[in-house]
C-alpha atoms as a PDB file:
ATOM      1  CA  MET A   1     148.946  77.891  57.981  1.00  0.00           C
ATOM      2  CA  GLN A   2     148.081  81.045  58.976  1.00  0.00           C
ATOM      3  CA  THR A   3     149.525  82.444  62.261  1.00  0.00           C
ATOM      4  CA  PHE A   4     146.898  84.387  64.424  1.00  0.00           C
ATOM      5  CA  LEU A   5     147.880  86.991  67.269  1.00  0.00           C
ATOM      6  CA  PRO A   6     145.992  85.484  70.749  1.00  0.00           C
ATOM      7  CA  HIS A   7     143.313  88.148  70.124  1.00  0.00           C
ATOM      8  CA  GLN A   8     142.814  87.090  66.988  1.00  0.00           C
ATOM      9  CA  ALA A   9     142.628  83.099  67.897  1.00  0.00           C
ATOM     10  CA  ARG A  10     140.332  83.729  70.239  1.00  0.00           C
ATOM     11  CA  ARG A  11     137.735  85.618  67.660  1.00  0.00           C
ATOM     12  CA  VAL A  12     138.173  82.843  65.552  1.00  0.00           C
ATOM     13  CA  GLU A  13     137.497  80.845  68.017  1.00  0.00           C
ATOM     14  CA  ARG A  14     133.859  82.521  69.060  1.00  0.00           C
ATOM     15  CA  THR A  15     132.762  82.822  65.745  1.00  0.00           C
ATOM     16  CA  PHE A  16     133.693  79.345  65.229  1.00  0.00           C
ATOM     17  CA  TRP A  17     131.384  78.547  68.182  1.00  0.00           C
ATOM     18  CA  VAL A  18     128.657  80.728  66.967  1.00  0.00           C
ATOM     19  CA  GLY A  19     128.628  78.934  63.455  1.00  0.00           C
ATOM     20  CA  VAL A  20     128.520  75.510  65.044  1.00  0.00           C
ATOM     21  CA  SER A  21     125.147  77.263  67.260  1.00  0.00           C
ATOM     22  CA  VAL A  22     123.674  78.745  64.527  1.00  0.00           C
ATOM     23  CA  ALA A  23     124.304  75.736  62.164  1.00  0.00           C
ATOM     24  CA  LEU A  24     122.341  73.665  65.048  1.00  0.00           C
ATOM     25  CA  VAL A  25     118.908  75.860  65.134  1.00  0.00           C
ATOM     26  CA  ALA A  26     119.327  75.643  61.319  1.00  0.00           C
ATOM     27  CA  LEU A  27     118.979  72.098  61.841  1.00  0.00           C
ATOM     28  CA  ILE A  28     116.386  72.090  64.534  1.00  0.00           C
ATOM     29  CA  ALA A  29     114.155  74.263  62.859  1.00  0.00           C
ATOM     30  CA  GLY A  30     114.910  72.201  59.463  1.00  0.00           C
ATOM     31  CA  VAL A  31     113.336  69.159  62.013  1.00  0.00           C
ATOM     32  CA  LEU A  32     110.675  71.380  63.246  1.00  0.00           C
ATOM     33  CA  ARG A  33     109.787  71.730  59.924  1.00  0.00           C
ATOM     34  CA  VAL A  34     109.235  68.610  58.425  1.00  0.00           C
ATOM     35  CA  PHE A  35     107.903  66.500  61.460  1.00  0.00           C
ATOM     36  CA  ASN A  36     104.878  67.415  63.525  1.00  0.00           C
ATOM     37  CA  PRO A  37     105.710  67.068  66.828  1.00  0.00           C
ATOM     38  CA  ALA A  38     102.446  65.972  67.770  1.00  0.00           C
ATOM     39  CA  SER A  39     103.247  62.847  65.346  1.00  0.00           C
ATOM     40  CA  ALA A  40     106.552  61.782  65.650  1.00  0.00           C
ATOM     41  CA  TRP A  41     108.496  59.415  68.242  1.00  0.00           C
ATOM     42  CA  PHE A  42     111.502  61.177  68.956  1.00  0.00           C
ATOM     43  CA  PHE A  43     110.436  64.437  70.883  1.00  0.00           C
ATOM     44  CA  PRO A  44     109.921  64.200  74.027  1.00  0.00           C
ATOM     45  CA  PRO A  45     106.487  65.343  76.327  1.00  0.00           C
ATOM     46  CA  CYS A  46     106.377  67.625  78.428  1.00  0.00           C
ATOM     47  CA  PRO A  47     107.587  65.946  81.782  1.00  0.00           C
ATOM     48  CA  PHE A  48     105.361  69.239  83.914  1.00  0.00           C
ATOM     49  CA  ARG A  49     102.391  67.366  81.868  1.00  0.00           C
ATOM     50  CA  VAL A  50     103.179  63.861  81.961  1.00  0.00           C
ATOM     51  CA  LEU A  51     103.614  64.508  86.125  1.00  0.00           C
ATOM     52  CA  THR A  52     100.942  66.655  86.609  1.00  0.00           C
ATOM     53  CA  GLY A  53      98.032  66.410  83.640  1.00  0.00           C
ATOM     54  CA  TYR A  54      98.019  70.375  83.499  1.00  0.00           C
ATOM     55  CA  LEU A  55      99.700  72.549  80.778  1.00  0.00           C
ATOM     56  CA  CYS A  56     102.885  74.220  81.531  1.00  0.00           C
ATOM     57  CA  PRO A  57     103.536  78.046  80.003  1.00  0.00           C
ATOM     58  CA  GLY A  58     105.788  76.258  77.699  1.00  0.00           C
ATOM     59  CA  CYS A  59     103.317  73.432  76.090  1.00  0.00           C
ATOM     60  CA  GLY A  60     102.758  73.904  72.647  1.00  0.00           C
ATOM     61  CA  THR A  61     105.454  75.599  71.918  1.00  0.00           C
ATOM     62  CA  LEU A  62     107.722  72.902  69.780  1.00  0.00           C
ATOM     63  CA  ARG A  63     104.426  72.254  67.900  1.00  0.00           C
ATOM     64  CA  ALA A  64     103.679  75.915  67.326  1.00  0.00           C
ATOM     65  CA  LEU A  65     106.989  75.984  65.970  1.00  0.00           C
ATOM     66  CA  HIS A  66     106.015  73.490  63.349  1.00  0.00           C
ATOM     67  CA  GLU A  67     103.529  75.647  62.385  1.00  0.00           C
ATOM     68  CA  LEU A  68     105.233  78.653  62.271  1.00  0.00           C
ATOM     69  CA  PHE A  69     107.899  77.381  60.196  1.00  0.00           C
ATOM     70  CA  ASN A  70     105.097  75.724  57.934  1.00  0.00           C
ATOM     71  CA  GLY A  71     103.931  79.332  57.421  1.00  0.00           C
ATOM     72  CA  HIS A  72     100.702  78.774  59.289  1.00  0.00           C
ATOM     73  CA  LEU A  73     101.171  81.793  62.188  1.00  0.00           C
ATOM     74  CA  ALA A  74      97.526  81.536  63.363  1.00  0.00           C
ATOM     75  CA  ALA A  75      97.643  78.186  64.276  1.00  0.00           C
ATOM     76  CA  ALA A  76     101.315  78.571  65.524  1.00  0.00           C
ATOM     77  CA  PHE A  77      99.403  81.205  67.825  1.00  0.00           C
ATOM     78  CA  ARG A  78      96.573  79.162  68.636  1.00  0.00           C
ATOM     79  CA  LEU A  79      98.736  76.819  69.748  1.00  0.00           C
ATOM     80  CA  ASN A  80     101.348  79.416  72.202  1.00  0.00           C
ATOM     81  CA  PRO A  81     100.095  82.723  72.417  1.00  0.00           C
ATOM     82  CA  LEU A  82     102.738  83.704  74.418  1.00  0.00           C
ATOM     83  CA  MET A  83     106.055  82.196  72.752  1.00  0.00           C
ATOM     84  CA  MET A  84     104.477  83.890  69.317  1.00  0.00           C
ATOM     85  CA  LEU A  85     104.735  87.283  71.190  1.00  0.00           C
ATOM     86  CA  LEU A  86     108.066  86.597  72.996  1.00  0.00           C
ATOM     87  CA  LEU A  87     109.779  85.165  70.091  1.00  0.00           C
ATOM     88  CA  PRO A  88     110.792  88.692  68.199  1.00  0.00           C
ATOM     89  CA  TYR A  89     112.630  89.436  71.487  1.00  0.00           C
ATOM     90  CA  VAL A  90     114.667  85.792  71.781  1.00  0.00           C
ATOM     91  CA  GLY A  91     115.431  86.401  67.999  1.00  0.00           C
ATOM     92  CA  TYR A  92     116.640  89.900  69.031  1.00  0.00           C
ATOM     93  CA  GLU A  93     118.529  88.874  71.604  1.00  0.00           C
ATOM     94  CA  GLY A  94     120.119  85.796  70.113  1.00  0.00           C
ATOM     95  CA  ALA A  95     120.814  88.043  66.910  1.00  0.00           C
ATOM     96  CA  SER A  96     122.943  90.514  69.388  1.00  0.00           C
ATOM     97  CA  ALA A  97     124.847  87.899  71.211  1.00  0.00           C
ATOM     98  CA  ALA A  98     125.966  86.729  68.514  1.00  0.00           C
ATOM     99  CA  MET A  99     127.043  89.825  66.404  1.00  0.00           C
ATOM    100  CA  GLU A 100     128.595  90.508  69.741  1.00  0.00           C
ATOM    101  CA  THR A 101     130.425  87.830  70.007  1.00  0.00           C
ATOM    102  CA  VAL A 102     132.031  87.969  65.907  1.00  0.00           C
ATOM    103  CA  PHE A 103     131.774  91.411  65.821  1.00  0.00           C
ATOM    104  CA  GLY A 104     132.579  92.686  69.192  1.00  0.00           C
ATOM    105  CA  ARG A 105     129.417  94.988  69.289  1.00  0.00           C
ATOM    106  CA  ALA A 106     126.086  94.627  69.809  1.00  0.00           C
ATOM    107  CA  LEU A 107     122.865  95.683  68.451  1.00  0.00           C
ATOM    108  CA  PRO A 108     121.916  98.520  70.373  1.00  0.00           C
ATOM    109  CA  ARG A 109     120.471  96.746  73.769  1.00  0.00           C
ATOM    110  CA  VAL A 110     116.593  97.389  75.100  1.00  0.00           C
ATOM    111  CA  PHE A 111     116.512  98.484  78.504  1.00  0.00           C
ATOM    112  CA  ILE A 112     113.725  96.468  80.556  1.00  0.00           C
ATOM    113  CA  ARG A 113     113.063  98.179  83.608  1.00  0.00           C
ATOM    114  CA  PRO A 114     112.855  95.874  86.546  1.00  0.00           C
ATOM    115  CA  THR A 115     108.877  96.565  87.018  1.00  0.00           C
ATOM    116  CA  TYR A 116     108.371  95.287  83.427  1.00  0.00           C
ATOM    117  CA  ILE A 117     110.045  92.314  84.296  1.00  0.00           C
ATOM    118  CA  TRP A 118     107.996  92.015  87.229  1.00  0.00           C
ATOM    119  CA  ILE A 119     104.627  92.362  85.121  1.00  0.00           C
ATOM    120  CA  LEU A 120     106.003  89.742  82.224  1.00  0.00           C
ATOM    121  CA  LEU A 121     106.746  87.182  85.473  1.00  0.00           C
ATOM    122  CA  ALA A 122     102.991  88.003  86.326  1.00  0.00           C
ATOM    123  CA  VAL A 123     101.528  87.698  82.926  1.00  0.00           C
ATOM    124  CA  ILE A 124     103.458  83.931  82.733  1.00  0.00           C
ATOM    125  CA  LEU A 125     102.048  83.139  85.528  1.00  0.00           C
ATOM    126  CA  LEU A 126      98.508  84.135  84.705  1.00  0.00           C
ATOM    127  CA  TYR A 127      98.585  82.578  81.275  1.00  0.00           C
ATOM    128  CA  TRP A 128      99.959  79.864  83.138  1.00  0.00           C
ATOM    129  CA  ILE A 129      96.755  79.510  85.737  1.00  0.00           C
ATOM    130  CA  LEU A 130      94.195  80.608  82.726  1.00  0.00           C
ATOM    131  CA  ARG A 131      95.310  77.964  80.294  1.00  0.00           C
ATOM    132  CA  ASN A 132      94.404  75.033  82.912  1.00  0.00           C
ATOM    133  CA  THR A 133      90.894  76.457  83.309  1.00  0.00           C
ATOM    134  CA  PRO A 134      87.745  76.172  81.154  1.00  0.00           C
ATOM    135  CA  LEU A 135      88.427  79.915  80.558  1.00  0.00           C
ATOM    136  CA  ALA A 136      90.759  78.884  78.073  1.00  0.00           C
ATOM    137  CA  ALA A 137      87.946  77.537  75.973  1.00  0.00           C
ATOM    138  CA  LEU A 138      87.593  81.572  75.248  1.00  0.00           C
ATOM    139  CA  PHE A 139      90.670  82.182  73.928  1.00  0.00           C
END
């Protein structure tokens, strides 16, 4: 049995949890690839849509991921274009956090000015409003 120094034990523990997280994401991706959220009973409905009847900015994300994992990029984009546009950034940040946890060194940070974060918030709110109007049919 190998004995670890305290700093080595913390690194092994962090690496274990990153491995568990990666395995969980892979399992969820596999389930989403096989089962269509539009017809599978075990995917929960959007609580906002159930309560109000309106679409939220995240509505269609599970169905879009299902289409993406099955290689249908255009269908995924039609279901939730905002999610598709933000997915590369989310993936990069997830990979950076995992690398920092395991190796102690993250990928280069992308500095986003506060102005751009406010613009992103405005885009999300505008997307939320527009997808619940007749203008959504134009997209």
